[in-house]
């Protein structure tokens, strides 16, 4: 983002516009952390802000400051529409394709308000007036931090903001385990700690406050549903709707399950396949040089990052597994690091 663009944004913010902050469906820690960080930052400037998401956020984020103010469009479609159409500024974070708003996109297209997009996914759609896009960044929260600092330095930072940003970076970097959680990421985290975030408290709230049902679900995934294919360095886990109900599934309970499969020695690709009401969702994680974002885009209408991506299909779980088993041998050399 150029100095001229930043100056225009400062002029817009100087008018204290009513602002709506939007993020994608199935919002994760980076989406909610980035959106709430913007909410608290602009609120500190005096802007009237609201956050709208297409559907529910995970239970493990229910502690986040002002999360209860988020408008869930699935439950309150009229309220979400009003927030967008009455906004003088639209902030979009952690997505770059309007279809990921799952029903709110038409209102964004109709709105004449300036639109700022801050995101770290590849190939952004051209719907924005101002863009901060760095696919090499490990999280959108990292970019939101850089955006704030470029605008006004650290003038408006407070503990709520830094807690939200740290949560976004922590979760999207998988606990700082992926390669693009680089020196810049750790410098930003150091700044957030100096500004007051209690990283140990957030880690506990995100990762160590499981329900008994969730732990039993994870145990079931590992003991009964894990399939390993050592010849292609791949592991996968599947869950049906019936199995989710059996363990009283709540939003967020399957977060991170795919990482257990990836943690197996010698596994370079992990796939988690879960049945939803209208489709089957796939989560991909990889090590070494297997580009799951390309694989998801080419075969499962998805995308994401080099080592972390998602996709979906209208096939059944069994049909999806069969398709994977037929596809993956074509990638044997790459999966085995040859």
C-alpha atoms as a PDB file:
ATOM      1  CA  UNK A   1       0.000   0.000   0.000  1.00  0.00           C
ATOM      2  CA  UNK A   2       1.520   3.318  -1.095  1.00  0.00           C
ATOM      3  CA  UNK A   3       1.907   6.498   0.952  1.00  0.00           C
ATOM      4  CA  UNK A   4      -0.661   8.175  -1.300  1.00  0.00           C
ATOM      5  CA  UNK A   5      -3.179   5.405  -0.558  1.00  0.00           C
ATOM      6  CA  UNK A   6      -2.487   5.620   3.171  1.00  0.00           C
ATOM      7  CA  UNK A   7      -3.083   9.362   3.014  1.00  0.00           C
ATOM      8  CA  UNK A   8      -6.467   8.801   1.352  1.00  0.00           C
ATOM      9  CA  UNK A   9      -7.384   6.252   4.019  1.00  0.00           C
ATOM     10  CA  UNK A  10      -6.398   8.711   6.772  1.00  0.00           C
ATOM     11  CA  UNK A  11      -8.670  11.291   5.146  1.00  0.00           C
ATOM     12  CA  UNK A  12     -11.551   8.786   5.142  1.00  0.00           C
ATOM     13  CA  UNK A  13     -10.955   7.792   8.759  1.00  0.00           C
ATOM     14  CA  UNK A  14     -10.659  11.446   9.739  1.00  0.00           C
ATOM     15  CA  UNK A  15     -14.358  11.807   8.951  1.00  0.00           C
ATOM     16  CA  UNK A  16     -15.136   9.093  11.554  1.00  0.00           C
ATOM     17  CA  UNK A  17     -17.225   6.953   9.199  1.00  0.00           C
ATOM     18  CA  UNK A  18     -19.653   4.267  10.287  1.00  0.00           C
ATOM     19  CA  UNK A  19     -17.662   1.123   9.513  1.00  0.00           C
ATOM     20  CA  UNK A  20     -18.524  -2.529   8.985  1.00  0.00           C
ATOM     21  CA  UNK A  21     -15.814  -5.179   9.233  1.00  0.00           C
ATOM     22  CA  UNK A  22     -16.377  -8.405   7.290  1.00  0.00           C
ATOM     23  CA  UNK A  23     -14.695 -11.783   7.225  1.00  0.00           C
ATOM     24  CA  UNK A  24     -15.298 -15.199   5.695  1.00  0.00           C
ATOM     25  CA  UNK A  25     -17.663 -18.092   6.430  1.00  0.00           C
ATOM     26  CA  UNK A  26     -16.474 -20.718   8.925  1.00  0.00           C
ATOM     27  CA  UNK A  27     -14.384 -17.980  10.563  1.00  0.00           C
ATOM     28  CA  UNK A  28     -11.242 -19.180  12.314  1.00  0.00           C
ATOM     29  CA  UNK A  29      -8.895 -17.560  14.804  1.00  0.00           C
ATOM     30  CA  UNK A  30      -7.234 -15.361  12.207  1.00  0.00           C
ATOM     31  CA  UNK A  31     -10.551 -14.174  10.783  1.00  0.00           C
ATOM     32  CA  UNK A  32     -12.106 -13.321  14.150  1.00  0.00           C
ATOM     33  CA  UNK A  33      -8.837 -12.024  15.599  1.00  0.00           C
ATOM     34  CA  UNK A  34      -8.230  -9.724  12.620  1.00  0.00           C
ATOM     35  CA  UNK A  35     -11.832  -8.484  12.489  1.00  0.00           C
ATOM     36  CA  UNK A  36     -12.028  -7.727  16.212  1.00  0.00           C
ATOM     37  CA  UNK A  37      -8.609  -6.056  16.158  1.00  0.00           C
ATOM     38  CA  UNK A  38      -9.914  -3.673  13.477  1.00  0.00           C
ATOM     39  CA  UNK A  39     -13.125  -3.193  15.482  1.00  0.00           C
ATOM     40  CA  UNK A  40     -11.216  -2.137  18.611  1.00  0.00           C
ATOM     41  CA  UNK A  41      -8.703  -0.030  16.707  1.00  0.00           C
ATOM     42  CA  UNK A  42     -11.306   1.994  14.815  1.00  0.00           C
ATOM     43  CA  UNK A  43     -13.486   2.229  17.925  1.00  0.00           C
ATOM     44  CA  UNK A  44     -10.501   3.749  19.749  1.00  0.00           C
ATOM     45  CA  UNK A  45     -10.433   6.385  17.003  1.00  0.00           C
ATOM     46  CA  UNK A  46     -14.106   7.171  17.574  1.00  0.00           C
ATOM     47  CA  UNK A  47     -15.619   5.271  14.648  1.00  0.00           C
ATOM     48  CA  UNK A  48     -18.956   3.478  15.064  1.00  0.00           C
ATOM     49  CA  UNK A  49     -18.109  -0.080  14.121  1.00  0.00           C
ATOM     50  CA  UNK A  50     -19.777  -3.425  13.647  1.00  0.00           C
ATOM     51  CA  UNK A  51     -18.451  -6.844  12.673  1.00  0.00           C
ATOM     52  CA  UNK A  52     -20.477  -9.227  10.503  1.00  0.00           C
ATOM     53  CA  UNK A  53     -19.685 -12.847   9.672  1.00  0.00           C
ATOM     54  CA  UNK A  54     -21.665 -15.299   7.526  1.00  0.00           C
ATOM     55  CA  UNK A  55     -21.991 -18.031  10.168  1.00  0.00           C
ATOM     56  CA  UNK A  56     -21.001 -18.934  13.713  1.00  0.00           C
ATOM     57  CA  UNK A  57     -17.485 -18.590  15.078  1.00  0.00           C
ATOM     58  CA  UNK A  58     -15.900 -21.469  17.040  1.00  0.00           C
ATOM     59  CA  UNK A  59     -16.539 -21.864  20.754  1.00  0.00           C
ATOM     60  CA  UNK A  60     -12.824 -21.702  21.540  1.00  0.00           C
ATOM     61  CA  UNK A  61     -12.903 -18.009  20.541  1.00  0.00           C
ATOM     62  CA  UNK A  62     -15.863 -17.097  22.769  1.00  0.00           C
ATOM     63  CA  UNK A  63     -13.524 -15.396  25.274  1.00  0.00           C
ATOM     64  CA  UNK A  64     -12.292 -12.760  22.828  1.00  0.00           C
ATOM     65  CA  UNK A  65     -13.028  -9.108  23.672  1.00  0.00           C
ATOM     66  CA  UNK A  66     -16.372  -7.945  22.173  1.00  0.00           C
ATOM     67  CA  UNK A  67     -16.951 -11.237  20.347  1.00  0.00           C
ATOM     68  CA  UNK A  68     -20.543 -11.115  21.604  1.00  0.00           C
ATOM     69  CA  UNK A  69     -21.126  -8.016  19.442  1.00  0.00           C
ATOM     70  CA  UNK A  70     -20.444  -9.873  16.203  1.00  0.00           C
ATOM     71  CA  UNK A  71     -23.443 -10.061  13.854  1.00  0.00           C
ATOM     72  CA  UNK A  72     -23.899 -13.615  12.569  1.00  0.00           C
ATOM     73  CA  UNK A  73     -25.642 -13.149   9.211  1.00  0.00           C
ATOM     74  CA  UNK A  74     -27.092 -16.660   9.185  1.00  0.00           C
ATOM     75  CA  UNK A  75     -29.040 -15.809  12.355  1.00  0.00           C
ATOM     76  CA  UNK A  76     -29.637 -12.091  11.696  1.00  0.00           C
ATOM     77  CA  UNK A  77     -29.570 -11.518   7.917  1.00  0.00           C
ATOM     78  CA  UNK A  78     -31.418  -8.203   8.071  1.00  0.00           C
ATOM     79  CA  UNK A  79     -29.078  -6.790  10.682  1.00  0.00           C
ATOM     80  CA  UNK A  80     -26.029  -7.810   8.651  1.00  0.00           C
ATOM     81  CA  UNK A  81     -27.476  -6.277   5.488  1.00  0.00           C
ATOM     82  CA  UNK A  82     -28.242  -3.002   7.283  1.00  0.00           C
ATOM     83  CA  UNK A  83     -24.725  -2.858   8.719  1.00  0.00           C
ATOM     84  CA  UNK A  84     -23.238  -3.137   5.218  1.00  0.00           C
ATOM     85  CA  UNK A  85     -25.630  -0.830   3.389  1.00  0.00           C
ATOM     86  CA  UNK A  86     -25.403   1.902   6.067  1.00  0.00           C
ATOM     87  CA  UNK A  87     -21.604   1.795   6.282  1.00  0.00           C
ATOM     88  CA  UNK A  88     -19.417   4.658   5.149  1.00  0.00           C
ATOM     89  CA  UNK A  89     -16.420   2.324   5.069  1.00  0.00           C
ATOM     90  CA  UNK A  90     -16.164  -1.435   4.529  1.00  0.00           C
ATOM     91  CA  UNK A  91     -13.154  -3.308   5.918  1.00  0.00           C
ATOM     92  CA  UNK A  92     -12.585  -6.823   4.587  1.00  0.00           C
ATOM     93  CA  UNK A  93     -10.105  -9.069   6.368  1.00  0.00           C
ATOM     94  CA  UNK A  94      -8.786 -12.599   5.843  1.00  0.00           C
ATOM     95  CA  UNK A  95     -10.569 -13.317   2.551  1.00  0.00           C
ATOM     96  CA  UNK A  96     -10.176 -12.020  -0.983  1.00  0.00           C
ATOM     97  CA  UNK A  97     -13.089 -13.546  -2.897  1.00  0.00           C
ATOM     98  CA  UNK A  98     -16.557 -12.091  -2.277  1.00  0.00           C
ATOM     99  CA  UNK A  99     -18.173 -15.517  -2.618  1.00  0.00           C
ATOM    100  CA  UNK A 100     -16.639 -16.354   0.756  1.00  0.00           C
ATOM    101  CA  UNK A 101     -19.161 -13.995   2.365  1.00  0.00           C
ATOM    102  CA  UNK A 102     -21.864 -16.589   1.627  1.00  0.00           C
ATOM    103  CA  UNK A 103     -24.837 -14.285   1.052  1.00  0.00           C
ATOM    104  CA  UNK A 104     -23.463 -10.906   2.123  1.00  0.00           C
ATOM    105  CA  UNK A 105     -21.504 -10.353  -1.089  1.00  0.00           C
ATOM    106  CA  UNK A 106     -24.392  -8.753  -3.009  1.00  0.00           C
ATOM    107  CA  UNK A 107     -24.671  -6.000  -0.415  1.00  0.00           C
ATOM    108  CA  UNK A 108     -20.936  -5.329  -0.654  1.00  0.00           C
ATOM    109  CA  UNK A 109     -21.200  -5.046  -4.432  1.00  0.00           C
ATOM    110  CA  UNK A 110     -24.139  -2.632  -4.150  1.00  0.00           C
ATOM    111  CA  UNK A 111     -22.476  -0.427  -1.548  1.00  0.00           C
ATOM    112  CA  UNK A 112     -20.746   2.716  -2.768  1.00  0.00           C
ATOM    113  CA  UNK A 113     -18.639   2.946   0.398  1.00  0.00           C
ATOM    114  CA  UNK A 114     -14.856   2.697  -0.030  1.00  0.00           C
ATOM    115  CA  UNK A 115     -13.582  -0.812   0.597  1.00  0.00           C
ATOM    116  CA  UNK A 116     -10.276  -1.777   2.206  1.00  0.00           C
ATOM    117  CA  UNK A 117      -9.014  -5.341   1.843  1.00  0.00           C
ATOM    118  CA  UNK A 118      -6.305  -6.753   4.122  1.00  0.00           C
ATOM    119  CA  UNK A 119      -5.527 -10.387   3.367  1.00  0.00           C
ATOM    120  CA  UNK A 120      -2.810 -12.988   2.847  1.00  0.00           C
ATOM    121  CA  UNK A 121      -4.366 -15.331   0.280  1.00  0.00           C
ATOM    122  CA  UNK A 122      -3.365 -15.538  -3.357  1.00  0.00           C
ATOM    123  CA  UNK A 123      -5.184 -13.972  -6.342  1.00  0.00           C
ATOM    124  CA  UNK A 124      -7.454 -11.327  -4.767  1.00  0.00           C
ATOM    125  CA  UNK A 125     -10.678 -10.469  -6.554  1.00  0.00           C
ATOM    126  CA  UNK A 126     -10.872  -6.864  -7.746  1.00  0.00           C
ATOM    127  CA  UNK A 127     -13.659  -5.471  -5.551  1.00  0.00           C
ATOM    128  CA  UNK A 128     -11.594  -3.191  -3.301  1.00  0.00           C
ATOM    129  CA  UNK A 129     -10.487   0.441  -3.410  1.00  0.00           C
ATOM    130  CA  UNK A 130      -7.439  -0.143  -1.205  1.00  0.00           C
ATOM    131  CA  UNK A 131      -5.462  -3.368  -0.932  1.00  0.00           C
ATOM    132  CA  UNK A 132      -2.847  -4.771   1.427  1.00  0.00           C
ATOM    133  CA  UNK A 133      -2.111  -8.281   0.168  1.00  0.00           C
ATOM    134  CA  UNK A 134       0.932 -10.394   1.075  1.00  0.00           C
ATOM    135  CA  UNK A 135       0.493 -14.123   0.370  1.00  0.00           C
ATOM    136  CA  UNK A 136       3.864 -14.757   2.005  1.00  0.00           C
ATOM    137  CA  UNK A 137       2.537 -13.575   5.387  1.00  0.00           C
ATOM    138  CA  UNK A 138       1.553 -16.324   7.809  1.00  0.00           C
ATOM    139  CA  UNK A 139      -1.700 -14.588   8.828  1.00  0.00           C
ATOM    140  CA  UNK A 140      -3.963 -11.685   8.040  1.00  0.00           C
ATOM    141  CA  UNK A 141      -3.522 -10.503  11.641  1.00  0.00           C
ATOM    142  CA  UNK A 142       0.145  -9.893  10.869  1.00  0.00           C
ATOM    143  CA  UNK A 143      -0.900  -7.650   7.979  1.00  0.00           C
ATOM    144  CA  UNK A 144      -3.531  -5.858  10.063  1.00  0.00           C
ATOM    145  CA  UNK A 145      -0.761  -4.997  12.522  1.00  0.00           C
ATOM    146  CA  UNK A 146       1.410  -3.634   9.711  1.00  0.00           C
ATOM    147  CA  UNK A 147      -1.561  -1.683   8.358  1.00  0.00           C
ATOM    148  CA  UNK A 148      -2.219  -0.034  11.726  1.00  0.00           C
ATOM    149  CA  UNK A 149       1.435   0.889  12.202  1.00  0.00           C
ATOM    150  CA  UNK A 150       1.643   2.338   8.687  1.00  0.00           C
ATOM    151  CA  UNK A 151      -1.429   4.477   9.362  1.00  0.00           C
ATOM    152  CA  UNK A 152      -0.733   5.983  12.783  1.00  0.00           C
ATOM    153  CA  UNK A 153       2.130   4.104  14.373  1.00  0.00           C
ATOM    154  CA  UNK A 154       1.093   2.576  17.702  1.00  0.00           C
ATOM    155  CA  UNK A 155      -1.032   5.525  18.761  1.00  0.00           C
ATOM    156  CA  UNK A 156      -4.330   3.685  19.211  1.00  0.00           C
ATOM    157  CA  UNK A 157      -3.086   0.302  20.371  1.00  0.00           C
ATOM    158  CA  UNK A 158      -4.571  -1.187  23.522  1.00  0.00           C
ATOM    159  CA  UNK A 159      -4.625  -4.605  25.186  1.00  0.00           C
ATOM    160  CA  UNK A 160      -7.800  -5.706  23.391  1.00  0.00           C
ATOM    161  CA  UNK A 161      -6.196  -5.029  20.022  1.00  0.00           C
ATOM    162  CA  UNK A 162      -2.944  -6.831  20.759  1.00  0.00           C
ATOM    163  CA  UNK A 163      -4.763  -9.844  22.225  1.00  0.00           C
ATOM    164  CA  UNK A 164      -6.860 -10.141  19.059  1.00  0.00           C
ATOM    165  CA  UNK A 165      -3.826  -9.810  16.799  1.00  0.00           C
ATOM    166  CA  UNK A 166      -1.817 -12.355  18.773  1.00  0.00           C
ATOM    167  CA  UNK A 167      -4.701 -14.832  18.568  1.00  0.00           C
ATOM    168  CA  UNK A 168      -4.854 -14.462  14.799  1.00  0.00           C
ATOM    169  CA  UNK A 169      -1.109 -14.975  14.354  1.00  0.00           C
ATOM    170  CA  UNK A 170      -0.972 -17.869  16.839  1.00  0.00           C
ATOM    171  CA  UNK A 171      -3.789 -19.855  15.243  1.00  0.00           C
ATOM    172  CA  UNK A 172      -2.995 -19.296  11.555  1.00  0.00           C
ATOM    173  CA  UNK A 173       0.686 -20.139  12.063  1.00  0.00           C
ATOM    174  CA  UNK A 174      -0.423 -23.394  13.779  1.00  0.00           C
ATOM    175  CA  UNK A 175       1.387 -22.330  16.920  1.00  0.00           C
ATOM    176  CA  UNK A 176       4.345 -20.881  14.942  1.00  0.00           C
ATOM    177  CA  UNK A 177       5.019 -24.255  13.317  1.00  0.00           C
ATOM    178  CA  UNK A 178       4.706 -23.352   9.623  1.00  0.00           C
ATOM    179  CA  UNK A 179       7.524 -22.034   7.493  1.00  0.00           C
ATOM    180  CA  UNK A 180       6.154 -18.571   6.782  1.00  0.00           C
ATOM    181  CA  UNK A 181       6.032 -17.782  10.501  1.00  0.00           C
ATOM    182  CA  UNK A 182       9.344 -16.100   9.863  1.00  0.00           C
ATOM    183  CA  UNK A 183      11.567 -13.550  11.594  1.00  0.00           C
ATOM    184  CA  UNK A 184       9.152 -10.736  10.745  1.00  0.00           C
ATOM    185  CA  UNK A 185       6.302 -12.674  12.374  1.00  0.00           C
ATOM    186  CA  UNK A 186       8.295 -13.151  15.562  1.00  0.00           C
ATOM    187  CA  UNK A 187       9.310  -9.485  15.624  1.00  0.00           C
ATOM    188  CA  UNK A 188       5.634  -8.512  15.438  1.00  0.00           C
ATOM    189  CA  UNK A 189       4.777 -10.992  18.202  1.00  0.00           C
ATOM    190  CA  UNK A 190       7.552  -9.487  20.315  1.00  0.00           C
ATOM    191  CA  UNK A 191       5.990  -6.052  19.787  1.00  0.00           C
ATOM    192  CA  UNK A 192       2.572  -7.398  20.801  1.00  0.00           C
ATOM    193  CA  UNK A 193       4.016  -8.864  23.992  1.00  0.00           C
ATOM    194  CA  UNK A 194       5.683  -5.548  24.796  1.00  0.00           C
ATOM    195  CA  UNK A 195       2.318  -3.864  24.221  1.00  0.00           C
ATOM    196  CA  UNK A 196       0.698  -6.078  26.836  1.00  0.00           C
ATOM    197  CA  UNK A 197      -0.602  -9.314  25.349  1.00  0.00           C
ATOM    198  CA  UNK A 198      -0.334 -12.263  27.730  1.00  0.00           C
ATOM    199  CA  UNK A 199       0.652 -14.974  25.267  1.00  0.00           C
ATOM    200  CA  UNK A 200       0.506 -17.808  27.817  1.00  0.00           C
ATOM    201  CA  UNK A 201      -3.070 -16.894  28.773  1.00  0.00           C
ATOM    202  CA  UNK A 202      -4.194 -16.810  25.130  1.00  0.00           C
ATOM    203  CA  UNK A 203      -2.486 -20.107  24.365  1.00  0.00           C
ATOM    204  CA  UNK A 204      -4.369 -21.658  27.275  1.00  0.00           C
ATOM    205  CA  UNK A 205      -7.709 -20.194  26.170  1.00  0.00           C
ATOM    206  CA  UNK A 206      -7.282 -21.355  22.581  1.00  0.00           C
ATOM    207  CA  UNK A 207      -5.695 -24.779  23.026  1.00  0.00           C
ATOM    208  CA  UNK A 208      -6.254 -25.939  26.600  1.00  0.00           C
ATOM    209  CA  UNK A 209      -9.954 -25.391  27.339  1.00  0.00           C
ATOM    210  CA  UNK A 210     -11.419 -28.475  25.693  1.00  0.00           C
ATOM    211  CA  UNK A 211     -14.793 -29.952  26.501  1.00  0.00           C
ATOM    212  CA  UNK A 212     -14.961 -33.637  27.387  1.00  0.00           C
ATOM    213  CA  UNK A 213     -16.989 -34.255  24.208  1.00  0.00           C
ATOM    214  CA  UNK A 214     -14.281 -32.674  22.062  1.00  0.00           C
ATOM    215  CA  UNK A 215     -11.526 -34.773  23.616  1.00  0.00           C
ATOM    216  CA  UNK A 216     -13.576 -37.902  23.081  1.00  0.00           C
ATOM    217  CA  UNK A 217     -14.187 -36.876  19.467  1.00  0.00           C
ATOM    218  CA  UNK A 218     -10.449 -36.400  18.888  1.00  0.00           C
ATOM    219  CA  UNK A 219      -9.765 -39.757  20.520  1.00  0.00           C
ATOM    220  CA  UNK A 220     -12.328 -41.381  18.238  1.00  0.00           C
ATOM    221  CA  UNK A 221     -10.731 -39.754  15.184  1.00  0.00           C
ATOM    222  CA  UNK A 222      -7.308 -41.121  16.090  1.00  0.00           C
ATOM    223  CA  UNK A 223      -8.332 -44.579  17.257  1.00  0.00           C
ATOM    224  CA  UNK A 224     -11.117 -45.386  14.795  1.00  0.00           C
ATOM    225  CA  UNK A 225     -11.015 -43.042  11.799  1.00  0.00           C
ATOM    226  CA  UNK A 226      -7.343 -42.497  11.011  1.00  0.00           C
ATOM    227  CA  UNK A 227      -6.125 -44.114   7.791  1.00  0.00           C
ATOM    228  CA  UNK A 228      -2.426 -44.142   6.917  1.00  0.00           C
ATOM    229  CA  UNK A 229      -0.938 -44.763   3.474  1.00  0.00           C
ATOM    230  CA  UNK A 230       2.832 -44.943   4.053  1.00  0.00           C
ATOM    231  CA  UNK A 231       3.600 -45.673   0.409  1.00  0.00           C
ATOM    232  CA  UNK A 232       2.453 -42.134  -0.472  1.00  0.00           C
ATOM    233  CA  UNK A 233       3.307 -40.492   2.886  1.00  0.00           C
ATOM    234  CA  UNK A 234      -0.351 -39.615   3.433  1.00  0.00           C
ATOM    235  CA  UNK A 235      -2.829 -39.882   6.307  1.00  0.00           C
ATOM    236  CA  UNK A 236      -6.519 -39.032   6.359  1.00  0.00           C
ATOM    237  CA  UNK A 237      -9.395 -38.817   8.808  1.00  0.00           C
ATOM    238  CA  UNK A 238     -13.106 -38.758   7.937  1.00  0.00           C
ATOM    239  CA  UNK A 239     -16.174 -37.842   9.976  1.00  0.00           C
ATOM    240  CA  UNK A 240     -19.851 -38.111   9.037  1.00  0.00           C
ATOM    241  CA  UNK A 241     -22.748 -36.027  10.325  1.00  0.00           C
ATOM    242  CA  UNK A 242     -23.892 -38.985  12.431  1.00  0.00           C
ATOM    243  CA  UNK A 243     -20.467 -39.238  14.039  1.00  0.00           C
ATOM    244  CA  UNK A 244     -20.417 -35.522  14.790  1.00  0.00           C
ATOM    245  CA  UNK A 245     -23.814 -35.768  16.478  1.00  0.00           C
ATOM    246  CA  UNK A 246     -22.636 -38.769  18.482  1.00  0.00           C
ATOM    247  CA  UNK A 247     -20.076 -36.524  20.181  1.00  0.00           C
ATOM    248  CA  UNK A 248     -22.376 -33.471  20.562  1.00  0.00           C
ATOM    249  CA  UNK A 249     -20.291 -31.543  18.033  1.00  0.00           C
ATOM    250  CA  UNK A 250     -20.036 -27.791  18.404  1.00  0.00           C
ATOM    251  CA  UNK A 251     -18.463 -25.290  16.023  1.00  0.00           C
ATOM    252  CA  UNK A 252     -14.694 -25.493  16.376  1.00  0.00           C
ATOM    253  CA  UNK A 253     -14.527 -29.014  17.849  1.00  0.00           C
ATOM    254  CA  UNK A 254     -12.734 -30.405  14.784  1.00  0.00           C
ATOM    255  CA  UNK A 255     -10.286 -27.502  14.562  1.00  0.00           C
ATOM    256  CA  UNK A 256      -6.750 -28.866  14.400  1.00  0.00           C
ATOM    257  CA  UNK A 257      -7.719 -32.528  13.961  1.00  0.00           C
ATOM    258  CA  UNK A 258      -5.890 -32.633  10.633  1.00  0.00           C
ATOM    259  CA  UNK A 259      -2.663 -31.617  12.385  1.00  0.00           C
ATOM    260  CA  UNK A 260      -2.649 -34.823  14.438  1.00  0.00           C
ATOM    261  CA  UNK A 261      -2.496 -36.805  11.220  1.00  0.00           C
ATOM    262  CA  UNK A 262       0.293 -34.593   9.886  1.00  0.00           C
ATOM    263  CA  UNK A 263       2.316 -35.129  13.075  1.00  0.00           C
ATOM    264  CA  UNK A 264       2.865 -38.814  12.271  1.00  0.00           C
ATOM    265  CA  UNK A 265       6.485 -39.586  11.441  1.00  0.00           C
ATOM    266  CA  UNK A 266       6.958 -39.950   7.688  1.00  0.00           C
ATOM    267  CA  UNK A 267       3.637 -38.309   6.787  1.00  0.00           C
ATOM    268  CA  UNK A 268       3.899 -35.369   4.397  1.00  0.00           C
ATOM    269  CA  UNK A 269       0.215 -34.899   3.552  1.00  0.00           C
ATOM    270  CA  UNK A 270      -2.749 -35.001   5.917  1.00  0.00           C
ATOM    271  CA  UNK A 271      -6.399 -34.728   4.853  1.00  0.00           C
ATOM    272  CA  UNK A 272      -9.414 -34.240   7.088  1.00  0.00           C
ATOM    273  CA  UNK A 273     -12.766 -34.910   5.424  1.00  0.00           C
ATOM    274  CA  UNK A 274     -15.982 -33.953   7.197  1.00  0.00           C
ATOM    275  CA  UNK A 275     -19.587 -34.224   6.073  1.00  0.00           C
ATOM    276  CA  UNK A 276     -21.661 -31.036   6.212  1.00  0.00           C
ATOM    277  CA  UNK A 277     -25.371 -30.680   5.536  1.00  0.00           C
ATOM    278  CA  UNK A 278     -24.966 -29.688   1.892  1.00  0.00           C
ATOM    279  CA  UNK A 279     -21.445 -30.786   0.962  1.00  0.00           C
ATOM    280  CA  UNK A 280     -18.264 -32.503   2.084  1.00  0.00           C
ATOM    281  CA  UNK A 281     -15.461 -30.263   3.334  1.00  0.00           C
ATOM    282  CA  UNK A 282     -11.765 -31.106   3.041  1.00  0.00           C
ATOM    283  CA  UNK A 283      -8.839 -29.670   4.995  1.00  0.00           C
ATOM    284  CA  UNK A 284      -5.309 -30.248   3.690  1.00  0.00           C
ATOM    285  CA  UNK A 285      -2.001 -29.852   5.520  1.00  0.00           C
ATOM    286  CA  UNK A 286       1.437 -30.708   4.148  1.00  0.00           C
ATOM    287  CA  UNK A 287       5.127 -30.755   4.879  1.00  0.00           C
ATOM    288  CA  UNK A 288       8.141 -30.408   2.621  1.00  0.00           C
ATOM    289  CA  UNK A 289       7.305 -29.328  -0.926  1.00  0.00           C
ATOM    290  CA  UNK A 290       3.768 -30.541  -1.547  1.00  0.00           C
ATOM    291  CA  UNK A 291       1.589 -27.516  -2.553  1.00  0.00           C
ATOM    292  CA  UNK A 292      -1.829 -28.279  -1.090  1.00  0.00           C
ATOM    293  CA  UNK A 293      -3.267 -24.952  -2.275  1.00  0.00           C
ATOM    294  CA  UNK A 294      -2.707 -26.024  -5.891  1.00  0.00           C
ATOM    295  CA  UNK A 295      -3.970 -29.549  -5.236  1.00  0.00           C
ATOM    296  CA  UNK A 296      -7.145 -28.209  -3.569  1.00  0.00           C
ATOM    297  CA  UNK A 297      -7.773 -25.730  -6.370  1.00  0.00           C
ATOM    298  CA  UNK A 298      -7.305 -28.256  -9.170  1.00  0.00           C
ATOM    299  CA  UNK A 299      -9.373 -31.074  -7.683  1.00  0.00           C
ATOM    300  CA  UNK A 300     -11.701 -29.771  -4.953  1.00  0.00           C
ATOM    301  CA  UNK A 301     -12.808 -26.197  -5.832  1.00  0.00           C
ATOM    302  CA  UNK A 302     -10.576 -24.850  -3.075  1.00  0.00           C
ATOM    303  CA  UNK A 303      -7.381 -23.009  -2.323  1.00  0.00           C
ATOM    304  CA  UNK A 304      -5.405 -21.479   0.493  1.00  0.00           C
ATOM    305  CA  UNK A 305      -1.699 -21.576   1.242  1.00  0.00           C
ATOM    306  CA  UNK A 306       1.211 -23.769   0.213  1.00  0.00           C
ATOM    307  CA  UNK A 307       1.058 -25.936   3.345  1.00  0.00           C
ATOM    308  CA  UNK A 308      -2.536 -25.316   4.476  1.00  0.00           C
ATOM    309  CA  UNK A 309      -5.613 -25.287   2.268  1.00  0.00           C
ATOM    310  CA  UNK A 310      -9.244 -26.292   2.037  1.00  0.00           C
ATOM    311  CA  UNK A 311     -11.732 -27.549  -0.504  1.00  0.00           C
ATOM    312  CA  UNK A 312     -15.198 -28.985  -0.896  1.00  0.00           C
ATOM    313  CA  UNK A 313     -17.184 -31.407  -3.021  1.00  0.00           C
ATOM    314  CA  UNK A 314     -20.750 -32.578  -3.563  1.00  0.00           C
ATOM    315  CA  UNK A 315     -19.584 -36.203  -3.549  1.00  0.00           C
ATOM    316  CA  UNK A 316     -20.192 -38.471  -0.559  1.00  0.00           C
ATOM    317  CA  UNK A 317     -17.407 -39.124   1.933  1.00  0.00           C
ATOM    318  CA  UNK A 318     -16.749 -42.576   0.454  1.00  0.00           C
ATOM    319  CA  UNK A 319     -16.651 -41.179  -3.075  1.00  0.00           C
ATOM    320  CA  UNK A 320     -14.305 -38.415  -1.930  1.00  0.00           C
ATOM    321  CA  UNK A 321     -11.927 -40.905  -0.327  1.00  0.00           C
ATOM    322  CA  UNK A 322     -11.979 -42.997  -3.491  1.00  0.00           C
ATOM    323  CA  UNK A 323     -11.173 -39.947  -5.585  1.00  0.00           C
ATOM    324  CA  UNK A 324      -8.224 -39.112  -3.309  1.00  0.00           C
ATOM    325  CA  UNK A 325      -6.914 -42.665  -3.459  1.00  0.00           C
ATOM    326  CA  UNK A 326      -7.020 -42.498  -7.251  1.00  0.00           C
ATOM    327  CA  UNK A 327      -5.394 -39.064  -7.428  1.00  0.00           C
ATOM    328  CA  UNK A 328      -2.574 -39.255  -4.909  1.00  0.00           C
ATOM    329  CA  UNK A 329      -0.446 -41.987  -6.549  1.00  0.00           C
ATOM    330  CA  UNK A 330       0.124 -39.497  -9.365  1.00  0.00           C
ATOM    331  CA  UNK A 331       1.938 -37.327  -6.809  1.00  0.00           C
ATOM    332  CA  UNK A 332       3.925 -40.157  -5.212  1.00  0.00           C
ATOM    333  CA  UNK A 333       7.373 -38.779  -5.984  1.00  0.00           C
ATOM    334  CA  UNK A 334       6.503 -35.312  -4.710  1.00  0.00           C
ATOM    335  CA  UNK A 335       4.823 -36.675  -1.577  1.00  0.00           C
ATOM    336  CA  UNK A 336       7.799 -38.885  -0.809  1.00  0.00           C
ATOM    337  CA  UNK A 337      10.206 -35.996  -1.271  1.00  0.00           C
ATOM    338  CA  UNK A 338      11.922 -37.302  -4.378  1.00  0.00           C
END
